[in-house]
């Protein structure tokens, strides 16, 4: 992908080479044990369990226990994450379609695998996951869904939503939802960069399906 290039169709790349680059030999830091988390970090653990209804007995994700090595940064990241996911105004299924397209274009194995599972929990079908790989120009999307995916593609490729994409989305989204779209894309692109660089391990291997 070249700077300024907006990819609206199928995005293909050497997945094995990307896994070797972003997963093999990782993670670059070991996850903390919960008892090693600082008091500031523990406040964030509690806030996340509350926001996402994670039971006390369920293990905390390794990716979070790694980034909790920097509790102040983790706090800022989680405030944004909770606002966009747990409290966001974009419907969960649509949010996950957008995140999957972000993860694909970022060639982010961990984020892709995580959000396949999360997306399916919110109603994203296997057929739609295949269609995310095909992009916003694939047949089968509604005009609104195509515009949402096109927004992802434009924001990643050109760092700006076009007038046409904005106008289509604004027919069905509120002002708050429109404000969330670029923040959602930016937040999950940032997360993909972090997770790729830390070589976070996907559960059960990785493939683009």
N, C-alpha and C. Protein backbone atom coordinates (compact mmCIF):
# COMPACT_ATOMS: atom_id res chain seq x y z
N UNK A 1 0.85 -1.19 0.00
CA UNK A 1 0.00 0.00 0.00
C UNK A 1 0.89 1.24 0.00
N UNK A 2 0.62 2.16 -0.92
CA UNK A 2 1.37 3.40 -1.03
C UNK A 2 0.65 4.52 -0.27
N UNK A 3 1.40 5.48 0.24
CA UNK A 3 0.79 6.63 0.90
C UNK A 3 -0.16 7.33 -0.07
N UNK A 4 -1.37 7.59 0.39
CA UNK A 4 -2.37 8.23 -0.45
C UNK A 4 -3.19 7.26 -1.27
N UNK A 5 -2.85 5.96 -1.20
CA UNK A 5 -3.58 4.95 -1.97
C UNK A 5 -4.78 4.46 -1.17
N UNK A 6 -5.96 4.58 -1.76
CA UNK A 6 -7.19 4.13 -1.11
C UNK A 6 -7.59 2.80 -1.74
N UNK A 7 -7.56 1.74 -0.95
CA UNK A 7 -7.85 0.39 -1.45
C UNK A 7 -9.30 0.05 -1.12
N UNK A 8 -10.14 -0.01 -2.14
CA UNK A 8 -11.56 -0.30 -1.92
C UNK A 8 -11.92 -1.73 -2.30
N UNK A 9 -10.99 -2.45 -2.89
CA UNK A 9 -11.25 -3.82 -3.31
C UNK A 9 -10.54 -4.83 -2.43
N UNK A 10 -10.34 -6.01 -2.98
CA UNK A 10 -9.71 -7.09 -2.23
C UNK A 10 -8.28 -6.73 -1.90
N UNK A 11 -7.90 -6.97 -0.66
CA UNK A 11 -6.54 -6.66 -0.22
C UNK A 11 -5.82 -7.97 0.08
N UNK A 12 -4.79 -8.26 -0.69
CA UNK A 12 -4.04 -9.49 -0.52
C UNK A 12 -2.57 -9.18 -0.24
N UNK A 13 -1.94 -10.03 0.54
CA UNK A 13 -0.53 -9.88 0.85
C UNK A 13 0.00 -11.22 1.33
N UNK A 14 1.28 -11.33 1.56
CA UNK A 14 1.92 -12.56 2.01
C UNK A 14 1.69 -12.69 3.52
N UNK A 15 0.64 -13.44 3.88
CA UNK A 15 0.28 -13.56 5.29
C UNK A 15 1.37 -14.26 6.10
N UNK A 16 2.01 -15.27 5.50
CA UNK A 16 3.06 -16.00 6.23
C UNK A 16 4.23 -15.07 6.55
N UNK A 17 4.59 -14.23 5.61
CA UNK A 17 5.68 -13.28 5.86
C UNK A 17 5.30 -12.27 6.93
N UNK A 18 4.03 -11.86 6.92
CA UNK A 18 3.59 -10.89 7.93
C UNK A 18 3.58 -11.51 9.31
N UNK A 19 3.17 -12.77 9.42
CA UNK A 19 3.21 -13.46 10.71
C UNK A 19 4.65 -13.58 11.20
N UNK A 20 5.56 -13.90 10.28
CA UNK A 20 6.98 -13.99 10.66
C UNK A 20 7.49 -12.65 11.19
N UNK A 21 6.97 -11.57 10.64
CA UNK A 21 7.41 -10.24 11.04
C UNK A 21 6.77 -9.77 12.34
N UNK A 22 5.47 -10.05 12.52
CA UNK A 22 4.71 -9.43 13.61
C UNK A 22 4.30 -10.38 14.73
N UNK A 23 4.57 -11.68 14.57
CA UNK A 23 4.13 -12.65 15.57
C UNK A 23 5.28 -13.54 16.04
N UNK A 24 6.06 -14.06 15.09
CA UNK A 24 7.09 -15.05 15.42
C UNK A 24 8.07 -14.51 16.45
N UNK A 25 8.33 -15.35 17.46
CA UNK A 25 9.29 -14.98 18.50
C UNK A 25 8.73 -14.08 19.57
N UNK A 26 7.46 -13.75 19.47
CA UNK A 26 6.88 -12.83 20.44
C UNK A 26 6.22 -13.54 21.61
N UNK A 27 5.67 -12.78 22.53
CA UNK A 27 5.68 -11.32 22.57
C UNK A 27 7.04 -10.77 23.03
N UNK A 28 7.26 -9.50 22.73
CA UNK A 28 8.55 -8.90 23.05
C UNK A 28 8.69 -8.60 24.54
N UNK A 29 7.58 -8.49 25.25
CA UNK A 29 7.59 -8.38 26.71
C UNK A 29 6.64 -9.42 27.27
N UNK A 30 7.00 -9.98 28.41
CA UNK A 30 6.13 -10.96 29.06
C UNK A 30 4.97 -10.24 29.74
N UNK A 31 3.79 -10.87 29.76
CA UNK A 31 2.67 -10.28 30.50
C UNK A 31 2.99 -10.22 32.00
N UNK A 32 2.57 -9.15 32.64
CA UNK A 32 2.66 -9.08 34.10
C UNK A 32 1.69 -10.07 34.73
N UNK A 33 2.01 -10.52 35.92
CA UNK A 33 1.01 -11.20 36.73
C UNK A 33 0.15 -10.13 37.38
N UNK A 34 -1.10 -10.46 37.67
CA UNK A 34 -2.00 -9.45 38.23
C UNK A 34 -1.44 -8.84 39.51
N UNK A 35 -0.74 -9.65 40.30
CA UNK A 35 -0.20 -9.12 41.55
C UNK A 35 0.99 -8.18 41.31
N UNK A 36 1.51 -8.18 40.08
CA UNK A 36 2.62 -7.28 39.74
C UNK A 36 2.13 -5.94 39.19
N UNK A 37 0.84 -5.84 38.90
CA UNK A 37 0.29 -4.61 38.33
C UNK A 37 0.30 -3.52 39.39
N UNK A 38 0.68 -2.31 39.01
CA UNK A 38 0.74 -1.19 39.94
C UNK A 38 -0.67 -0.81 40.41
N UNK A 39 -0.78 -0.08 41.53
CA UNK A 39 -2.11 0.37 41.98
C UNK A 39 -2.84 1.18 40.91
N UNK A 40 -2.12 2.04 40.18
CA UNK A 40 -2.75 2.80 39.10
C UNK A 40 -3.28 1.87 38.01
N UNK A 41 -2.48 0.85 37.69
CA UNK A 41 -2.91 -0.11 36.69
C UNK A 41 -4.08 -0.94 37.16
N UNK A 42 -4.10 -1.29 38.46
CA UNK A 42 -5.19 -2.10 39.00
C UNK A 42 -6.52 -1.36 38.89
N UNK A 43 -6.49 -0.05 39.03
CA UNK A 43 -7.71 0.74 38.84
C UNK A 43 -8.26 0.54 37.44
N UNK A 44 -7.38 0.46 36.46
CA UNK A 44 -7.81 0.26 35.07
C UNK A 44 -8.32 -1.16 34.84
N UNK A 45 -7.68 -2.12 35.48
CA UNK A 45 -8.18 -3.50 35.40
C UNK A 45 -9.62 -3.56 35.90
N UNK A 46 -9.87 -2.93 37.04
CA UNK A 46 -11.22 -2.93 37.61
C UNK A 46 -12.21 -2.20 36.69
N UNK A 47 -11.76 -1.08 36.11
CA UNK A 47 -12.64 -0.31 35.22
C UNK A 47 -13.00 -1.12 33.97
N UNK A 48 -12.04 -1.86 33.44
CA UNK A 48 -12.30 -2.67 32.25
C UNK A 48 -13.23 -3.83 32.58
N UNK A 49 -13.00 -4.48 33.70
CA UNK A 49 -13.89 -5.57 34.09
C UNK A 49 -15.33 -5.06 34.22
N UNK A 50 -15.49 -3.88 34.77
CA UNK A 50 -16.83 -3.31 34.94
C UNK A 50 -17.44 -2.93 33.59
N UNK A 51 -16.67 -2.23 32.75
CA UNK A 51 -17.20 -1.73 31.47
C UNK A 51 -17.58 -2.86 30.53
N UNK A 52 -16.78 -3.93 30.51
CA UNK A 52 -17.01 -5.01 29.56
C UNK A 52 -17.56 -6.27 30.22
N UNK A 53 -17.99 -6.14 31.47
CA UNK A 53 -18.65 -7.25 32.20
C UNK A 53 -17.77 -8.50 32.22
N UNK A 54 -16.50 -8.33 32.57
CA UNK A 54 -15.57 -9.45 32.66
C UNK A 54 -15.58 -9.97 34.09
N UNK A 55 -15.98 -11.22 34.33
CA UNK A 55 -16.04 -11.75 35.69
C UNK A 55 -14.66 -11.76 36.35
N UNK A 56 -14.65 -11.65 37.66
CA UNK A 56 -13.40 -11.64 38.43
C UNK A 56 -12.56 -12.89 38.16
N UNK A 57 -13.22 -14.03 38.01
CA UNK A 57 -12.47 -15.27 37.85
C UNK A 57 -11.88 -15.47 36.47
N UNK A 58 -12.29 -14.67 35.49
CA UNK A 58 -11.79 -14.86 34.13
C UNK A 58 -10.40 -14.24 34.00
N UNK A 59 -9.44 -14.98 33.40
CA UNK A 59 -8.09 -14.42 33.25
C UNK A 59 -8.11 -13.11 32.46
N UNK A 60 -7.26 -12.18 32.86
CA UNK A 60 -7.18 -10.90 32.16
C UNK A 60 -6.32 -11.10 30.91
N UNK A 61 -6.66 -10.47 29.79
CA UNK A 61 -5.94 -10.72 28.53
C UNK A 61 -4.45 -10.39 28.63
N UNK A 62 -3.63 -11.27 28.03
CA UNK A 62 -2.18 -11.05 28.05
C UNK A 62 -1.80 -9.71 27.43
N UNK A 63 -2.50 -9.33 26.35
CA UNK A 63 -2.14 -8.07 25.68
C UNK A 63 -2.28 -6.90 26.65
N UNK A 64 -3.29 -6.94 27.50
CA UNK A 64 -3.47 -5.87 28.49
C UNK A 64 -2.41 -5.95 29.58
N UNK A 65 -2.07 -7.17 29.98
CA UNK A 65 -1.07 -7.33 31.03
C UNK A 65 0.33 -6.95 30.55
N UNK A 66 0.54 -6.94 29.24
CA UNK A 66 1.80 -6.44 28.70
C UNK A 66 1.80 -4.92 28.70
N UNK A 67 0.73 -4.32 28.19
CA UNK A 67 0.71 -2.85 28.09
C UNK A 67 0.54 -2.19 29.46
N UNK A 68 0.12 -2.95 30.46
CA UNK A 68 0.05 -2.41 31.83
C UNK A 68 1.44 -2.16 32.42
N UNK A 69 2.48 -2.53 31.70
CA UNK A 69 3.83 -2.13 32.11
C UNK A 69 3.99 -0.61 32.05
N UNK A 70 3.08 0.04 31.30
CA UNK A 70 3.07 1.52 31.22
C UNK A 70 1.66 1.95 31.63
N UNK A 71 1.36 1.97 32.94
CA UNK A 71 -0.02 2.16 33.38
C UNK A 71 -0.63 3.49 32.96
N UNK A 72 0.16 4.55 32.91
CA UNK A 72 -0.40 5.83 32.50
C UNK A 72 -0.85 5.82 31.06
N UNK A 73 -0.04 5.25 30.18
CA UNK A 73 -0.41 5.13 28.77
C UNK A 73 -1.61 4.20 28.61
N UNK A 74 -1.57 3.09 29.34
CA UNK A 74 -2.67 2.12 29.27
C UNK A 74 -3.98 2.78 29.67
N UNK A 75 -3.93 3.64 30.69
CA UNK A 75 -5.14 4.32 31.14
C UNK A 75 -5.74 5.16 30.01
N UNK A 76 -4.90 5.94 29.34
CA UNK A 76 -5.41 6.76 28.24
C UNK A 76 -5.98 5.92 27.12
N UNK A 77 -5.30 4.83 26.81
CA UNK A 77 -5.77 3.94 25.75
C UNK A 77 -7.11 3.32 26.11
N UNK A 78 -7.26 2.93 27.37
CA UNK A 78 -8.50 2.28 27.78
C UNK A 78 -9.66 3.26 27.92
N UNK A 79 -9.38 4.49 28.31
CA UNK A 79 -10.46 5.50 28.36
C UNK A 79 -11.07 5.64 26.97
N UNK A 80 -10.21 5.74 25.95
CA UNK A 80 -10.70 5.84 24.58
C UNK A 80 -11.41 4.55 24.16
N UNK A 81 -10.82 3.40 24.50
CA UNK A 81 -11.42 2.13 24.12
C UNK A 81 -12.79 1.92 24.72
N UNK A 82 -12.94 2.25 25.99
CA UNK A 82 -14.25 2.11 26.65
C UNK A 82 -15.26 3.06 26.02
N UNK A 83 -14.83 4.28 25.72
CA UNK A 83 -15.75 5.26 25.12
C UNK A 83 -16.22 4.81 23.75
N UNK A 84 -15.34 4.22 22.96
CA UNK A 84 -15.70 3.81 21.60
C UNK A 84 -16.45 2.48 21.57
N UNK A 85 -16.08 1.56 22.44
CA UNK A 85 -16.67 0.22 22.39
C UNK A 85 -17.82 0.06 23.38
N UNK A 86 -17.53 0.19 24.66
CA UNK A 86 -18.58 -0.04 25.66
C UNK A 86 -19.64 1.05 25.65
N UNK A 87 -19.25 2.30 25.34
CA UNK A 87 -20.19 3.42 25.40
C UNK A 87 -20.45 4.03 24.03
N UNK A 88 -19.87 3.50 22.98
CA UNK A 88 -19.96 4.11 21.66
C UNK A 88 -21.37 4.13 21.10
N UNK A 89 -21.61 5.07 20.18
CA UNK A 89 -22.94 5.22 19.58
C UNK A 89 -23.06 4.47 18.26
N UNK A 90 -21.95 4.05 17.67
CA UNK A 90 -22.01 3.24 16.44
C UNK A 90 -22.46 1.83 16.82
N UNK A 91 -23.46 1.26 16.12
CA UNK A 91 -23.91 -0.09 16.45
C UNK A 91 -22.75 -1.09 16.45
N UNK A 92 -22.80 -2.03 17.39
CA UNK A 92 -21.66 -2.93 17.61
C UNK A 92 -21.29 -3.71 16.36
N UNK A 93 -22.28 -4.22 15.63
CA UNK A 93 -21.97 -4.98 14.42
C UNK A 93 -21.23 -4.12 13.40
N UNK A 94 -21.68 -2.89 13.21
CA UNK A 94 -21.04 -2.00 12.25
C UNK A 94 -19.64 -1.61 12.73
N UNK A 95 -19.51 -1.39 14.01
CA UNK A 95 -18.19 -1.09 14.58
C UNK A 95 -17.21 -2.21 14.27
N UNK A 96 -17.65 -3.45 14.44
CA UNK A 96 -16.76 -4.58 14.22
C UNK A 96 -16.41 -4.76 12.74
N UNK A 97 -17.35 -4.49 11.85
CA UNK A 97 -17.02 -4.53 10.41
C UNK A 97 -15.91 -3.53 10.11
N UNK A 98 -16.04 -2.33 10.66
CA UNK A 98 -15.02 -1.30 10.43
C UNK A 98 -13.67 -1.73 11.01
N UNK A 99 -13.68 -2.26 12.23
CA UNK A 99 -12.41 -2.67 12.86
C UNK A 99 -11.75 -3.80 12.07
N UNK A 100 -12.54 -4.73 11.55
CA UNK A 100 -11.97 -5.81 10.75
C UNK A 100 -11.28 -5.27 9.50
N UNK A 101 -11.88 -4.27 8.87
CA UNK A 101 -11.23 -3.69 7.69
C UNK A 101 -9.94 -2.95 8.09
N UNK A 102 -9.96 -2.29 9.24
CA UNK A 102 -8.73 -1.67 9.76
C UNK A 102 -7.66 -2.74 9.96
N UNK A 103 -8.03 -3.82 10.64
CA UNK A 103 -7.06 -4.88 10.95
C UNK A 103 -6.48 -5.49 9.69
N UNK A 104 -7.33 -5.68 8.68
CA UNK A 104 -6.86 -6.24 7.41
C UNK A 104 -5.85 -5.30 6.75
N UNK A 105 -6.22 -4.03 6.60
CA UNK A 105 -5.34 -3.09 5.92
C UNK A 105 -4.06 -2.83 6.70
N UNK A 106 -4.12 -2.98 8.02
CA UNK A 106 -2.92 -2.85 8.85
C UNK A 106 -2.10 -4.13 8.90
N UNK A 107 -2.65 -5.19 8.28
CA UNK A 107 -2.00 -6.51 8.31
C UNK A 107 -1.66 -6.89 9.75
N UNK A 108 -2.70 -6.88 10.57
CA UNK A 108 -2.54 -7.04 12.02
C UNK A 108 -3.12 -8.38 12.47
N UNK A 109 -2.30 -9.43 12.61
CA UNK A 109 -2.82 -10.75 12.93
C UNK A 109 -3.62 -10.81 14.22
N UNK A 110 -3.09 -10.23 15.30
CA UNK A 110 -3.79 -10.33 16.58
C UNK A 110 -5.13 -9.61 16.52
N UNK A 111 -5.13 -8.37 16.03
CA UNK A 111 -6.37 -7.59 15.98
C UNK A 111 -7.40 -8.28 15.10
N UNK A 112 -6.97 -8.81 13.97
CA UNK A 112 -7.90 -9.50 13.06
C UNK A 112 -8.55 -10.69 13.76
N UNK A 113 -7.74 -11.55 14.36
CA UNK A 113 -8.28 -12.75 15.01
C UNK A 113 -9.21 -12.40 16.17
N UNK A 114 -8.81 -11.43 16.99
CA UNK A 114 -9.64 -11.03 18.12
C UNK A 114 -11.00 -10.51 17.65
N UNK A 115 -11.00 -9.74 16.59
CA UNK A 115 -12.25 -9.10 16.18
C UNK A 115 -13.08 -9.97 15.26
N UNK A 116 -12.54 -11.06 14.76
CA UNK A 116 -13.41 -12.08 14.17
C UNK A 116 -14.31 -12.65 15.27
N UNK A 117 -13.71 -13.01 16.39
CA UNK A 117 -14.49 -13.56 17.50
C UNK A 117 -15.48 -12.54 18.05
N UNK A 118 -15.02 -11.31 18.28
CA UNK A 118 -15.90 -10.27 18.81
C UNK A 118 -17.00 -9.95 17.81
N UNK A 119 -16.62 -9.84 16.54
CA UNK A 119 -17.61 -9.53 15.51
C UNK A 119 -18.70 -10.57 15.43
N UNK A 120 -18.33 -11.83 15.47
CA UNK A 120 -19.33 -12.90 15.41
C UNK A 120 -20.28 -12.82 16.61
N UNK A 121 -19.75 -12.44 17.75
CA UNK A 121 -20.60 -12.30 18.94
C UNK A 121 -21.64 -11.19 18.76
N UNK A 122 -21.34 -10.23 17.89
CA UNK A 122 -22.27 -9.12 17.64
C UNK A 122 -23.00 -9.26 16.31
N UNK A 123 -22.97 -10.46 15.72
CA UNK A 123 -23.81 -10.71 14.55
C UNK A 123 -23.12 -10.64 13.21
N UNK A 124 -21.81 -10.43 13.17
CA UNK A 124 -21.10 -10.45 11.89
C UNK A 124 -21.00 -11.90 11.42
N UNK A 125 -21.40 -12.17 10.19
CA UNK A 125 -21.41 -13.53 9.67
C UNK A 125 -20.09 -13.87 8.98
N UNK A 126 -19.87 -15.17 8.77
CA UNK A 126 -18.67 -15.61 8.05
C UNK A 126 -18.65 -15.05 6.64
N UNK A 127 -19.83 -14.97 6.02
CA UNK A 127 -19.92 -14.39 4.67
C UNK A 127 -19.49 -12.92 4.68
N UNK A 128 -19.91 -12.19 5.72
CA UNK A 128 -19.53 -10.78 5.81
C UNK A 128 -18.03 -10.61 6.06
N UNK A 129 -17.44 -11.52 6.82
CA UNK A 129 -16.00 -11.47 7.05
C UNK A 129 -15.26 -11.64 5.72
N UNK A 130 -15.73 -12.59 4.90
CA UNK A 130 -15.14 -12.75 3.57
C UNK A 130 -15.30 -11.47 2.75
N UNK A 131 -16.46 -10.82 2.90
CA UNK A 131 -16.74 -9.62 2.13
C UNK A 131 -15.88 -8.44 2.61
N UNK A 132 -15.56 -8.42 3.90
CA UNK A 132 -14.64 -7.39 4.41
C UNK A 132 -13.30 -7.49 3.68
N UNK A 133 -12.85 -8.70 3.42
CA UNK A 133 -11.59 -8.90 2.68
C UNK A 133 -11.71 -8.33 1.28
N UNK A 134 -12.92 -8.43 0.69
CA UNK A 134 -13.15 -7.92 -0.67
C UNK A 134 -13.28 -6.40 -0.70
N UNK A 135 -13.59 -5.78 0.44
CA UNK A 135 -13.61 -4.33 0.51
C UNK A 135 -14.96 -3.68 0.28
N UNK A 136 -14.97 -2.37 0.31
CA UNK A 136 -16.23 -1.62 0.21
C UNK A 136 -16.87 -1.74 -1.16
N UNK A 137 -16.08 -2.08 -2.18
CA UNK A 137 -16.64 -2.19 -3.52
C UNK A 137 -17.28 -3.54 -3.80
N UNK A 138 -17.20 -4.47 -2.85
CA UNK A 138 -17.78 -5.80 -3.05
C UNK A 138 -19.30 -5.73 -3.10
N UNK A 139 -19.92 -6.52 -3.97
CA UNK A 139 -21.39 -6.58 -3.99
C UNK A 139 -21.92 -7.20 -2.70
N UNK A 140 -23.09 -6.76 -2.28
CA UNK A 140 -23.73 -7.33 -1.10
C UNK A 140 -23.86 -6.38 0.06
N UNK A 141 -23.03 -5.32 0.10
CA UNK A 141 -23.16 -4.33 1.16
C UNK A 141 -24.32 -3.40 0.87
N UNK A 142 -24.97 -2.93 1.92
CA UNK A 142 -25.91 -1.82 1.75
C UNK A 142 -25.10 -0.56 1.44
N UNK A 143 -25.77 0.49 0.97
CA UNK A 143 -25.07 1.75 0.68
C UNK A 143 -24.39 2.28 1.95
N UNK A 144 -25.07 2.13 3.08
CA UNK A 144 -24.51 2.60 4.36
C UNK A 144 -23.28 1.79 4.75
N UNK A 145 -23.37 0.46 4.67
CA UNK A 145 -22.23 -0.39 5.05
C UNK A 145 -21.03 -0.13 4.14
N UNK A 146 -21.30 0.00 2.83
CA UNK A 146 -20.22 0.27 1.89
C UNK A 146 -19.54 1.60 2.21
N UNK A 147 -20.33 2.60 2.58
CA UNK A 147 -19.77 3.90 2.93
C UNK A 147 -18.92 3.82 4.20
N UNK A 148 -19.36 3.01 5.17
CA UNK A 148 -18.58 2.86 6.40
C UNK A 148 -17.23 2.22 6.11
N UNK A 149 -17.23 1.16 5.30
CA UNK A 149 -15.97 0.52 4.95
C UNK A 149 -15.11 1.44 4.09
N UNK A 150 -15.77 2.19 3.20
CA UNK A 150 -15.03 3.15 2.38
C UNK A 150 -14.39 4.22 3.27
N UNK A 151 -15.08 4.62 4.32
CA UNK A 151 -14.50 5.59 5.26
C UNK A 151 -13.21 5.03 5.87
N UNK A 152 -13.23 3.76 6.26
CA UNK A 152 -12.02 3.13 6.79
C UNK A 152 -10.90 3.19 5.76
N UNK A 153 -11.23 2.81 4.54
CA UNK A 153 -10.22 2.75 3.48
C UNK A 153 -9.63 4.13 3.19
N UNK A 154 -10.48 5.14 3.17
CA UNK A 154 -10.02 6.51 2.91
C UNK A 154 -9.19 7.05 4.07
N UNK A 155 -9.64 6.79 5.29
CA UNK A 155 -8.92 7.31 6.45
C UNK A 155 -7.53 6.68 6.57
N UNK A 156 -7.42 5.40 6.25
CA UNK A 156 -6.11 4.74 6.31
C UNK A 156 -5.25 5.14 5.11
N UNK A 157 -5.87 5.19 3.92
CA UNK A 157 -5.09 5.47 2.72
C UNK A 157 -4.79 6.93 2.50
N UNK A 158 -5.74 7.81 2.87
CA UNK A 158 -5.60 9.24 2.55
C UNK A 158 -5.76 10.14 3.77
N UNK A 159 -6.04 9.53 4.94
CA UNK A 159 -6.15 10.27 6.20
C UNK A 159 -7.28 11.30 6.16
N UNK A 160 -8.29 11.06 5.35
CA UNK A 160 -9.42 11.99 5.25
C UNK A 160 -10.58 11.28 4.58
N UNK A 161 -11.80 11.51 5.08
CA UNK A 161 -13.00 11.01 4.41
C UNK A 161 -13.37 11.94 3.27
N UNK A 162 -13.70 11.37 2.13
CA UNK A 162 -14.14 12.18 0.99
C UNK A 162 -15.52 12.76 1.25
N UNK A 163 -15.88 13.79 0.49
CA UNK A 163 -17.20 14.39 0.61
C UNK A 163 -18.29 13.37 0.33
N UNK A 164 -18.09 12.54 -0.70
CA UNK A 164 -19.13 11.57 -1.09
C UNK A 164 -19.36 10.56 0.03
N UNK A 165 -18.28 10.07 0.62
CA UNK A 165 -18.42 9.10 1.71
C UNK A 165 -19.07 9.74 2.93
N UNK A 166 -18.62 10.93 3.27
CA UNK A 166 -19.21 11.65 4.40
C UNK A 166 -20.71 11.85 4.21
N UNK A 167 -21.09 12.31 3.04
CA UNK A 167 -22.50 12.62 2.78
C UNK A 167 -23.37 11.36 2.83
N UNK A 168 -22.84 10.24 2.34
CA UNK A 168 -23.61 8.99 2.40
C UNK A 168 -23.78 8.53 3.83
N UNK A 169 -22.71 8.53 4.61
CA UNK A 169 -22.81 8.11 6.01
C UNK A 169 -23.71 9.03 6.82
N UNK A 170 -23.63 10.32 6.54
CA UNK A 170 -24.40 11.30 7.31
C UNK A 170 -25.90 11.19 7.08
N UNK A 171 -26.30 10.46 6.05
CA UNK A 171 -27.73 10.24 5.83
C UNK A 171 -28.32 9.32 6.90
N UNK A 172 -27.48 8.47 7.47
CA UNK A 172 -27.97 7.48 8.43
C UNK A 172 -27.32 7.60 9.81
N UNK A 173 -26.20 8.29 9.92
CA UNK A 173 -25.53 8.45 11.20
C UNK A 173 -25.82 9.83 11.80
N UNK A 174 -25.86 9.86 13.12
CA UNK A 174 -26.01 11.12 13.85
C UNK A 174 -24.68 11.87 13.87
N UNK A 175 -24.71 13.10 14.37
CA UNK A 175 -23.47 13.86 14.51
C UNK A 175 -22.46 13.12 15.39
N UNK A 176 -22.94 12.56 16.50
CA UNK A 176 -22.02 11.84 17.39
C UNK A 176 -21.39 10.65 16.68
N UNK A 177 -22.19 9.91 15.92
CA UNK A 177 -21.65 8.76 15.20
C UNK A 177 -20.63 9.19 14.15
N UNK A 178 -20.91 10.30 13.46
CA UNK A 178 -19.96 10.80 12.46
C UNK A 178 -18.65 11.21 13.12
N UNK A 179 -18.73 11.81 14.29
CA UNK A 179 -17.52 12.19 15.02
C UNK A 179 -16.73 10.96 15.48
N UNK A 180 -17.44 9.88 15.75
CA UNK A 180 -16.77 8.67 16.23
C UNK A 180 -16.02 7.94 15.13
N UNK A 181 -16.49 8.01 13.89
CA UNK A 181 -15.91 7.18 12.83
C UNK A 181 -14.39 7.38 12.70
N UNK A 182 -13.89 8.60 12.49
CA UNK A 182 -12.43 8.73 12.36
C UNK A 182 -11.68 8.38 13.64
N UNK A 183 -12.29 8.62 14.80
CA UNK A 183 -11.64 8.25 16.05
C UNK A 183 -11.56 6.73 16.20
N UNK A 184 -12.62 6.03 15.78
CA UNK A 184 -12.62 4.57 15.82
C UNK A 184 -11.51 4.01 14.95
N UNK A 185 -11.43 4.50 13.73
CA UNK A 185 -10.40 4.02 12.80
C UNK A 185 -9.01 4.33 13.35
N UNK A 186 -8.81 5.55 13.81
CA UNK A 186 -7.50 5.93 14.34
C UNK A 186 -7.10 5.13 15.56
N UNK A 187 -8.06 4.90 16.45
CA UNK A 187 -7.76 4.16 17.68
C UNK A 187 -7.35 2.73 17.39
N UNK A 188 -8.06 2.08 16.47
CA UNK A 188 -7.74 0.68 16.19
C UNK A 188 -6.54 0.53 15.26
N UNK A 189 -6.25 1.55 14.46
CA UNK A 189 -5.00 1.53 13.70
C UNK A 189 -3.81 1.68 14.66
N UNK A 190 -3.93 2.58 15.62
CA UNK A 190 -2.90 2.74 16.64
C UNK A 190 -2.69 1.43 17.41
N UNK A 191 -3.79 0.79 17.78
CA UNK A 191 -3.71 -0.47 18.51
C UNK A 191 -3.03 -1.54 17.67
N UNK A 192 -3.36 -1.58 16.38
CA UNK A 192 -2.72 -2.55 15.48
C UNK A 192 -1.21 -2.33 15.42
N UNK A 193 -0.80 -1.08 15.34
CA UNK A 193 0.64 -0.77 15.32
C UNK A 193 1.32 -1.26 16.59
N UNK A 194 0.67 -1.02 17.72
CA UNK A 194 1.23 -1.44 19.00
C UNK A 194 1.32 -2.96 19.09
N UNK A 195 0.23 -3.64 18.75
CA UNK A 195 0.20 -5.10 18.88
C UNK A 195 1.13 -5.77 17.89
N UNK A 196 1.21 -5.25 16.66
CA UNK A 196 2.16 -5.79 15.69
C UNK A 196 3.59 -5.65 16.20
N UNK A 197 3.91 -4.48 16.74
CA UNK A 197 5.28 -4.21 17.19
C UNK A 197 5.65 -5.02 18.43
N UNK A 198 4.67 -5.29 19.28
CA UNK A 198 4.91 -6.10 20.47
C UNK A 198 4.88 -7.60 20.17
N UNK A 199 4.50 -7.95 18.94
CA UNK A 199 4.40 -9.35 18.51
C UNK A 199 3.44 -10.14 19.41
N UNK A 200 2.26 -9.58 19.60
CA UNK A 200 1.24 -10.25 20.40
C UNK A 200 0.76 -11.49 19.65
N UNK A 201 0.60 -12.59 20.38
CA UNK A 201 0.27 -13.87 19.77
C UNK A 201 -1.24 -14.04 19.59
N UNK A 202 -1.71 -14.28 18.36
CA UNK A 202 -3.14 -14.59 18.18
C UNK A 202 -3.47 -15.94 18.82
N UNK A 203 -4.72 -16.06 19.25
CA UNK A 203 -5.17 -17.34 19.80
C UNK A 203 -5.35 -18.34 18.66
N UNK A 204 -4.79 -19.52 18.82
CA UNK A 204 -5.06 -20.59 17.87
C UNK A 204 -4.53 -20.35 16.48
N UNK A 205 -3.40 -19.63 16.35
CA UNK A 205 -2.84 -19.40 15.03
C UNK A 205 -3.52 -18.25 14.32
N UNK A 206 -3.27 -18.17 13.02
CA UNK A 206 -3.74 -16.99 12.29
C UNK A 206 -3.97 -17.33 10.83
N UNK A 207 -5.12 -16.95 10.32
CA UNK A 207 -5.38 -16.97 8.89
C UNK A 207 -6.45 -15.93 8.61
N UNK A 208 -6.48 -15.46 7.38
CA UNK A 208 -7.44 -14.41 7.05
C UNK A 208 -8.79 -15.01 6.69
N UNK A 209 -9.39 -15.66 7.65
CA UNK A 209 -10.74 -16.20 7.48
C UNK A 209 -11.39 -16.25 8.85
